Amino acid sequence: MFIKVRRDTLIILFLAFILIFSGRLMTYMAYASTTEVQQGMPISGVIIKGNDIVPTDSIRVNIAGVGFRTGSYIQGDTLVTSKRKVPISEALENARKAAMLSTIPGTSLTPIKAADVKLDQQTGILTVTVIEDFSIVEVKQK
Protein backbone atom coordinates (compact mmCIF):
# COMPACT_ATOMS: atom_id res chain seq x y z
CA MET A 1 0.00 0.00 0.00
CA PHE A 2 1.25 3.35 -0.94
CA ILE A 3 0.22 6.61 0.68
CA LYS A 4 -0.91 9.12 -1.83
CA VAL A 5 0.67 12.54 -1.32
CA ARG A 6 -0.16 15.39 -3.58
CA ARG A 7 2.65 17.36 -5.14
CA ASP A 8 1.76 20.70 -3.45
CA THR A 9 1.75 19.03 0.02
CA LEU A 10 5.17 17.59 -0.67
CA ILE A 11 6.49 21.01 -1.70
CA ILE A 12 5.11 22.64 1.47
CA LEU A 13 6.73 19.97 3.67
CA PHE A 14 10.04 20.37 1.86
CA LEU A 15 9.96 24.18 2.28
CA ALA A 16 9.16 23.81 6.00
CA PHE A 17 12.14 21.48 6.39
CA ILE A 18 14.43 23.96 4.60
CA LEU A 19 13.14 26.86 6.75
CA ILE A 20 13.69 24.99 10.05
CA PHE A 21 17.11 23.75 8.99
CA SER A 22 18.28 27.19 7.84
CA GLY A 23 16.99 28.79 11.08
CA ARG A 24 18.99 26.33 13.18
CA LEU A 25 22.05 26.85 11.01
CA MET A 26 21.79 30.65 11.35
CA THR A 27 21.44 30.35 15.14
CA TYR A 28 24.56 28.22 15.41
CA MET A 29 26.52 30.50 13.10
CA ALA A 30 25.50 33.61 15.06
CA TYR A 31 26.60 31.99 18.31
CA ALA A 32 29.93 30.88 16.85
CA SER A 33 30.73 34.29 15.37
CA THR A 34 30.09 36.40 18.49
CA THR A 35 33.03 38.49 19.64
CA GLU A 36 31.79 38.78 23.22
CA VAL A 37 34.59 38.51 25.78
CA GLN A 38 34.06 36.35 28.83
CA GLN A 39 33.41 38.78 31.68
CA GLY A 40 34.50 36.61 34.55
CA MET A 41 32.59 35.31 37.55
CA PRO A 42 29.40 37.29 38.26
CA ILE A 43 28.40 38.16 41.82
CA SER A 44 25.68 35.59 42.38
CA GLY A 45 24.58 36.43 45.91
CA VAL A 46 25.21 37.79 49.39
CA ILE A 47 24.81 35.58 52.45
CA ILE A 48 24.50 37.35 55.81
CA LYS A 49 25.07 35.49 59.08
CA GLY A 50 25.02 36.40 62.76
CA ASN A 51 22.53 39.24 62.79
CA ASP A 52 19.66 39.26 65.27
CA ILE A 53 18.26 42.79 65.28
CA VAL A 54 19.61 44.53 62.16
CA PRO A 55 17.61 43.25 59.17
CA THR A 56 19.47 41.46 56.41
CA ASP A 57 17.96 43.84 53.85
CA SER A 58 19.61 46.81 55.57
CA ILE A 59 23.00 45.11 55.47
CA ARG A 60 22.45 43.84 51.92
CA VAL A 61 21.64 47.37 50.65
CA ASN A 62 24.84 48.75 52.18
CA ILE A 63 26.87 45.91 50.67
CA ALA A 64 25.26 46.52 47.27
CA GLY A 65 26.24 50.19 47.54
CA VAL A 66 29.88 49.14 47.72
CA GLY A 67 29.63 47.16 44.48
CA PHE A 68 28.66 43.61 45.40
CA ARG A 69 25.35 43.55 43.49
CA THR A 70 23.72 41.95 40.48
CA GLY A 71 25.55 42.95 37.32
CA SER A 72 28.98 43.15 38.97
CA TYR A 73 31.59 40.53 38.26
CA ILE A 74 35.06 39.40 39.30
CA GLN A 75 37.75 39.52 36.67
CA GLY A 76 41.06 38.30 38.04
CA ASP A 77 41.76 40.32 41.22
CA THR A 78 39.36 43.12 40.31
CA LEU A 79 35.70 43.73 41.07
CA VAL A 80 34.11 45.30 38.01
CA THR A 81 30.88 47.24 38.55
CA SER A 82 28.83 49.36 36.19
CA LYS A 83 30.60 52.50 37.45
CA ARG A 84 34.17 51.52 38.34
CA LYS A 85 36.83 48.87 38.78
CA VAL A 86 38.09 48.17 42.31
CA PRO A 87 40.74 45.73 43.57
CA ILE A 88 39.14 42.82 45.45
CA SER A 89 41.00 43.54 48.69
CA GLU A 90 39.79 47.16 48.72
CA ALA A 91 36.23 46.10 47.82
CA LEU A 92 36.17 43.57 50.69
CA GLU A 93 37.40 46.21 53.14
CA ASN A 94 34.75 48.65 51.90
CA ALA A 95 32.10 45.93 52.29
CA ARG A 96 33.23 45.28 55.87
CA LYS A 97 32.96 48.99 56.71
CA ALA A 98 29.57 49.26 55.00
CA ALA A 99 28.23 46.29 56.97
CA MET A 100 29.35 47.92 60.21
CA LEU A 101 27.50 51.13 59.28
CA SER A 102 24.17 49.31 58.92
CA THR A 103 21.53 50.71 61.24
CA ILE A 104 18.34 49.50 62.82
CA PRO A 105 15.55 50.85 60.58
CA GLY A 106 13.99 54.04 61.87
CA THR A 107 16.93 54.81 64.14
CA SER A 108 20.54 55.85 63.86
CA LEU A 109 21.74 52.97 66.07
CA THR A 110 24.61 50.91 64.65
CA PRO A 111 24.91 47.81 66.86
CA ILE A 112 27.31 45.88 64.59
CA LYS A 113 30.67 45.76 66.36
CA ALA A 114 32.58 43.64 63.84
CA ALA A 115 32.08 42.11 60.44
CA ASP A 116 33.93 39.42 58.54
CA VAL A 117 33.58 39.44 54.75
CA LYS A 118 34.66 36.52 52.58
CA LEU A 119 34.30 36.14 48.83
CA ASP A 120 34.29 32.78 47.09
CA GLN A 121 35.74 33.61 43.69
CA GLN A 122 34.71 30.23 42.25
CA THR A 123 30.99 30.72 42.86
CA GLY A 124 30.69 34.52 43.22
CA ILE A 125 29.03 34.30 46.64
CA LEU A 126 29.89 36.93 49.26
CA THR A 127 29.51 35.78 52.87
CA VAL A 128 29.16 38.46 55.55
CA THR A 129 29.34 37.41 59.20
CA VAL A 130 28.40 40.17 61.64
CA ILE A 131 28.68 40.47 65.41
CA GLU A 132 26.11 42.67 67.13
CA ASP A 133 26.98 44.20 70.49
CA PHE A 134 24.44 46.50 72.12
CA SER A 135 26.82 47.55 74.93
CA ILE A 136 28.66 49.84 72.49
CA VAL A 137 25.53 51.53 71.11
CA GLU A 138 25.19 55.16 72.12
CA VAL A 139 21.58 56.18 72.50
CA LYS A 140 20.99 59.92 72.41
CA GLN A 141 17.65 60.93 73.78
CA LYS A 142 16.19 64.35 73.15
C-alpha atoms as a PDB file:
ATOM      1  CA  MET A   1       0.000   0.000   0.000  1.00  0.00           C
ATOM      2  CA  PHE A   2       1.249   3.354  -0.938  1.00  0.00           C
ATOM      3  CA  ILE A   3       0.220   6.605   0.679  1.00  0.00           C
ATOM      4  CA  LYS A   4      -0.912   9.122  -1.833  1.00  0.00           C
ATOM      5  CA  VAL A   5       0.667  12.545  -1.319  1.00  0.00           C
ATOM      6  CA  ARG A   6      -0.161  15.391  -3.582  1.00  0.00           C
ATOM      7  CA  ARG A   7       2.652  17.358  -5.143  1.00  0.00           C
ATOM      8  CA  ASP A   8       1.758  20.697  -3.445  1.00  0.00           C
ATOM      9  CA  THR A   9       1.745  19.028   0.023  1.00  0.00           C
ATOM     10  CA  LEU A  10       5.171  17.590  -0.669  1.00  0.00           C
ATOM     11  CA  ILE A  11       6.493  21.015  -1.702  1.00  0.00           C
ATOM     12  CA  ILE A  12       5.106  22.640   1.474  1.00  0.00           C
ATOM     13  CA  LEU A  13       6.731  19.969   3.667  1.00  0.00           C
ATOM     14  CA  PHE A  14      10.038  20.375   1.864  1.00  0.00           C
ATOM     15  CA  LEU A  15       9.957  24.184   2.275  1.00  0.00           C
ATOM     16  CA  ALA A  16       9.156  23.811   5.999  1.00  0.00           C
ATOM     17  CA  PHE A  17      12.145  21.481   6.391  1.00  0.00           C
ATOM     18  CA  ILE A  18      14.429  23.962   4.597  1.00  0.00           C
ATOM     19  CA  LEU A  19      13.140  26.857   6.753  1.00  0.00           C
ATOM     20  CA  ILE A  20      13.688  24.991  10.046  1.00  0.00           C
ATOM     21  CA  PHE A  21      17.109  23.746   8.990  1.00  0.00           C
ATOM     22  CA  SER A  22      18.284  27.189   7.839  1.00  0.00           C
ATOM     23  CA  GLY A  23      16.987  28.791  11.084  1.00  0.00           C
ATOM     24  CA  ARG A  24      18.993  26.332  13.177  1.00  0.00           C
ATOM     25  CA  LEU A  25      22.046  26.852  11.009  1.00  0.00           C
ATOM     26  CA  MET A  26      21.792  30.651  11.353  1.00  0.00           C
ATOM     27  CA  THR A  27      21.436  30.351  15.143  1.00  0.00           C
ATOM     28  CA  TYR A  28      24.560  28.222  15.415  1.00  0.00           C
ATOM     29  CA  MET A  29      26.525  30.505  13.097  1.00  0.00           C
ATOM     30  CA  ALA A  30      25.496  33.605  15.061  1.00  0.00           C
ATOM     31  CA  TYR A  31      26.603  31.989  18.309  1.00  0.00           C
ATOM     32  CA  ALA A  32      29.933  30.877  16.854  1.00  0.00           C
ATOM     33  CA  SER A  33      30.729  34.286  15.372  1.00  0.00           C
ATOM     34  CA  THR A  34      30.092  36.398  18.487  1.00  0.00           C
ATOM     35  CA  THR A  35      33.027  38.495  19.642  1.00  0.00           C
ATOM     36  CA  GLU A  36      31.789  38.782  23.216  1.00  0.00           C
ATOM     37  CA  VAL A  37      34.588  38.515  25.780  1.00  0.00           C
ATOM     38  CA  GLN A  38      34.064  36.355  28.835  1.00  0.00           C
ATOM     39  CA  GLN A  39      33.408  38.780  31.676  1.00  0.00           C
ATOM     40  CA  GLY A  40      34.505  36.610  34.553  1.00  0.00           C
ATOM     41  CA  MET A  41      32.594  35.312  37.549  1.00  0.00           C
ATOM     42  CA  PRO A  42      29.397  37.286  38.255  1.00  0.00           C
ATOM     43  CA  ILE A  43      28.403  38.164  41.820  1.00  0.00           C
ATOM     44  CA  SER A  44      25.678  35.590  42.381  1.00  0.00           C
ATOM     45  CA  GLY A  45      24.578  36.426  45.910  1.00  0.00           C
ATOM     46  CA  VAL A  46      25.214  37.794  49.387  1.00  0.00           C
ATOM     47  CA  ILE A  47      24.808  35.581  52.449  1.00  0.00           C
ATOM     48  CA  ILE A  48      24.501  37.351  55.812  1.00  0.00           C
ATOM     49  CA  LYS A  49      25.067  35.490  59.080  1.00  0.00           C
ATOM     50  CA  GLY A  50      25.025  36.403  62.758  1.00  0.00           C
ATOM     51  CA  ASN A  51      22.530  39.238  62.789  1.00  0.00           C
ATOM     52  CA  ASP A  52      19.664  39.262  65.273  1.00  0.00           C
ATOM     53  CA  ILE A  53      18.262  42.790  65.277  1.00  0.00           C
ATOM     54  CA  VAL A  54      19.609  44.526  62.164  1.00  0.00           C
ATOM     55  CA  PRO A  55      17.613  43.249  59.170  1.00  0.00           C
ATOM     56  CA  THR A  56      19.466  41.457  56.408  1.00  0.00           C
ATOM     57  CA  ASP A  57      17.957  43.842  53.848  1.00  0.00           C
ATOM     58  CA  SER A  58      19.610  46.806  55.572  1.00  0.00           C
ATOM     59  CA  ILE A  59      22.999  45.109  55.472  1.00  0.00           C
ATOM     60  CA  ARG A  60      22.448  43.844  51.921  1.00  0.00           C
ATOM     61  CA  VAL A  61      21.639  47.373  50.651  1.00  0.00           C
ATOM     62  CA  ASN A  62      24.839  48.752  52.184  1.00  0.00           C
ATOM     63  CA  ILE A  63      26.872  45.907  50.674  1.00  0.00           C
ATOM     64  CA  ALA A  64      25.260  46.524  47.273  1.00  0.00           C
ATOM     65  CA  GLY A  65      26.241  50.193  47.539  1.00  0.00           C
ATOM     66  CA  VAL A  66      29.882  49.141  47.723  1.00  0.00           C
ATOM     67  CA  GLY A  67      29.634  47.165  44.481  1.00  0.00           C
ATOM     68  CA  PHE A  68      28.657  43.608  45.398  1.00  0.00           C
ATOM     69  CA  ARG A  69      25.350  43.547  43.495  1.00  0.00           C
ATOM     70  CA  THR A  70      23.723  41.946  40.485  1.00  0.00           C
ATOM     71  CA  GLY A  71      25.552  42.951  37.319  1.00  0.00           C
ATOM     72  CA  SER A  72      28.983  43.153  38.966  1.00  0.00           C
ATOM     73  CA  TYR A  73      31.592  40.526  38.255  1.00  0.00           C
ATOM     74  CA  ILE A  74      35.058  39.400  39.305  1.00  0.00           C
ATOM     75  CA  GLN A  75      37.747  39.521  36.671  1.00  0.00           C
ATOM     76  CA  GLY A  76      41.058  38.305  38.043  1.00  0.00           C
ATOM     77  CA  ASP A  77      41.762  40.319  41.215  1.00  0.00           C
ATOM     78  CA  THR A  78      39.361  43.118  40.307  1.00  0.00           C
ATOM     79  CA  LEU A  79      35.700  43.731  41.071  1.00  0.00           C
ATOM     80  CA  VAL A  80      34.114  45.304  38.008  1.00  0.00           C
ATOM     81  CA  THR A  81      30.879  47.235  38.546  1.00  0.00           C
ATOM     82  CA  SER A  82      28.829  49.358  36.192  1.00  0.00           C
ATOM     83  CA  LYS A  83      30.598  52.497  37.452  1.00  0.00           C
ATOM     84  CA  ARG A  84      34.166  51.522  38.337  1.00  0.00           C
ATOM     85  CA  LYS A  85      36.833  48.873  38.783  1.00  0.00           C
ATOM     86  CA  VAL A  86      38.087  48.169  42.309  1.00  0.00           C
ATOM     87  CA  PRO A  87      40.739  45.731  43.571  1.00  0.00           C
ATOM     88  CA  ILE A  88      39.138  42.819  45.446  1.00  0.00           C
ATOM     89  CA  SER A  89      41.002  43.544  48.694  1.00  0.00           C
ATOM     90  CA  GLU A  90      39.789  47.156  48.715  1.00  0.00           C
ATOM     91  CA  ALA A  91      36.232  46.099  47.820  1.00  0.00           C
ATOM     92  CA  LEU A  92      36.166  43.568  50.685  1.00  0.00           C
ATOM     93  CA  GLU A  93      37.396  46.212  53.145  1.00  0.00           C
ATOM     94  CA  ASN A  94      34.749  48.653  51.896  1.00  0.00           C
ATOM     95  CA  ALA A  95      32.097  45.926  52.293  1.00  0.00           C
ATOM     96  CA  ARG A  96      33.233  45.281  55.866  1.00  0.00           C
ATOM     97  CA  LYS A  97      32.964  48.990  56.713  1.00  0.00           C
ATOM     98  CA  ALA A  98      29.573  49.259  55.005  1.00  0.00           C
ATOM     99  CA  ALA A  99      28.234  46.288  56.971  1.00  0.00           C
ATOM    100  CA  MET A 100      29.355  47.924  60.214  1.00  0.00           C
ATOM    101  CA  LEU A 101      27.498  51.129  59.282  1.00  0.00           C
ATOM    102  CA  SER A 102      24.166  49.308  58.919  1.00  0.00           C
ATOM    103  CA  THR A 103      21.527  50.707  61.240  1.00  0.00           C
ATOM    104  CA  ILE A 104      18.337  49.503  62.818  1.00  0.00           C
ATOM    105  CA  PRO A 105      15.553  50.852  60.577  1.00  0.00           C
ATOM    106  CA  GLY A 106      13.992  54.044  61.868  1.00  0.00           C
ATOM    107  CA  THR A 107      16.929  54.807  64.137  1.00  0.00           C
ATOM    108  CA  SER A 108      20.543  55.847  63.862  1.00  0.00           C
ATOM    109  CA  LEU A 109      21.736  52.970  66.070  1.00  0.00           C
ATOM    110  CA  THR A 110      24.607  50.911  64.646  1.00  0.00           C
ATOM    111  CA  PRO A 111      24.912  47.812  66.862  1.00  0.00           C
ATOM    112  CA  ILE A 112      27.308  45.881  64.593  1.00  0.00           C
ATOM    113  CA  LYS A 113      30.669  45.761  66.360  1.00  0.00           C
ATOM    114  CA  ALA A 114      32.583  43.636  63.844  1.00  0.00           C
ATOM    115  CA  ALA A 115      32.084  42.114  60.441  1.00  0.00           C
ATOM    116  CA  ASP A 116      33.932  39.423  58.537  1.00  0.00           C
ATOM    117  CA  VAL A 117      33.578  39.441  54.750  1.00  0.00           C
ATOM    118  CA  LYS A 118      34.664  36.516  52.580  1.00  0.00           C
ATOM    119  CA  LEU A 119      34.299  36.142  48.832  1.00  0.00           C
ATOM    120  CA  ASP A 120      34.290  32.780  47.094  1.00  0.00           C
ATOM    121  CA  GLN A 121      35.744  33.608  43.689  1.00  0.00           C
ATOM    122  CA  GLN A 122      34.713  30.234  42.247  1.00  0.00           C
ATOM    123  CA  THR A 123      30.985  30.721  42.858  1.00  0.00           C
ATOM    124  CA  GLY A 124      30.694  34.518  43.216  1.00  0.00           C
ATOM    125  CA  ILE A 125      29.027  34.300  46.635  1.00  0.00           C
ATOM    126  CA  LEU A 126      29.891  36.926  49.263  1.00  0.00           C
ATOM    127  CA  THR A 127      29.508  35.778  52.873  1.00  0.00           C
ATOM    128  CA  VAL A 128      29.161  38.463  55.551  1.00  0.00           C
ATOM    129  CA  THR A 129      29.336  37.405  59.201  1.00  0.00           C
ATOM    130  CA  VAL A 130      28.403  40.175  61.639  1.00  0.00           C
ATOM    131  CA  ILE A 131      28.677  40.468  65.410  1.00  0.00           C
ATOM    132  CA  GLU A 132      26.110  42.669  67.133  1.00  0.00           C
ATOM    133  CA  ASP A 133      26.978  44.200  70.492  1.00  0.00           C
ATOM    134  CA  PHE A 134      24.440  46.498  72.123  1.00  0.00           C
ATOM    135  CA  SER A 135      26.815  47.546  74.925  1.00  0.00           C
ATOM    136  CA  ILE A 136      28.659  49.844  72.487  1.00  0.00           C
ATOM    137  CA  VAL A 137      25.527  51.535  71.108  1.00  0.00           C
ATOM    138  CA  GLU A 138      25.193  55.163  72.116  1.00  0.00           C
ATOM    139  CA  VAL A 139      21.585  56.178  72.503  1.00  0.00           C
ATOM    140  CA  LYS A 140      20.994  59.921  72.414  1.00  0.00           C
ATOM    141  CA  GLN A 141      17.647  60.930  73.780  1.00  0.00           C
ATOM    142  CA  LYS A 142      16.186  64.354  73.148  1.00  0.00           C
END
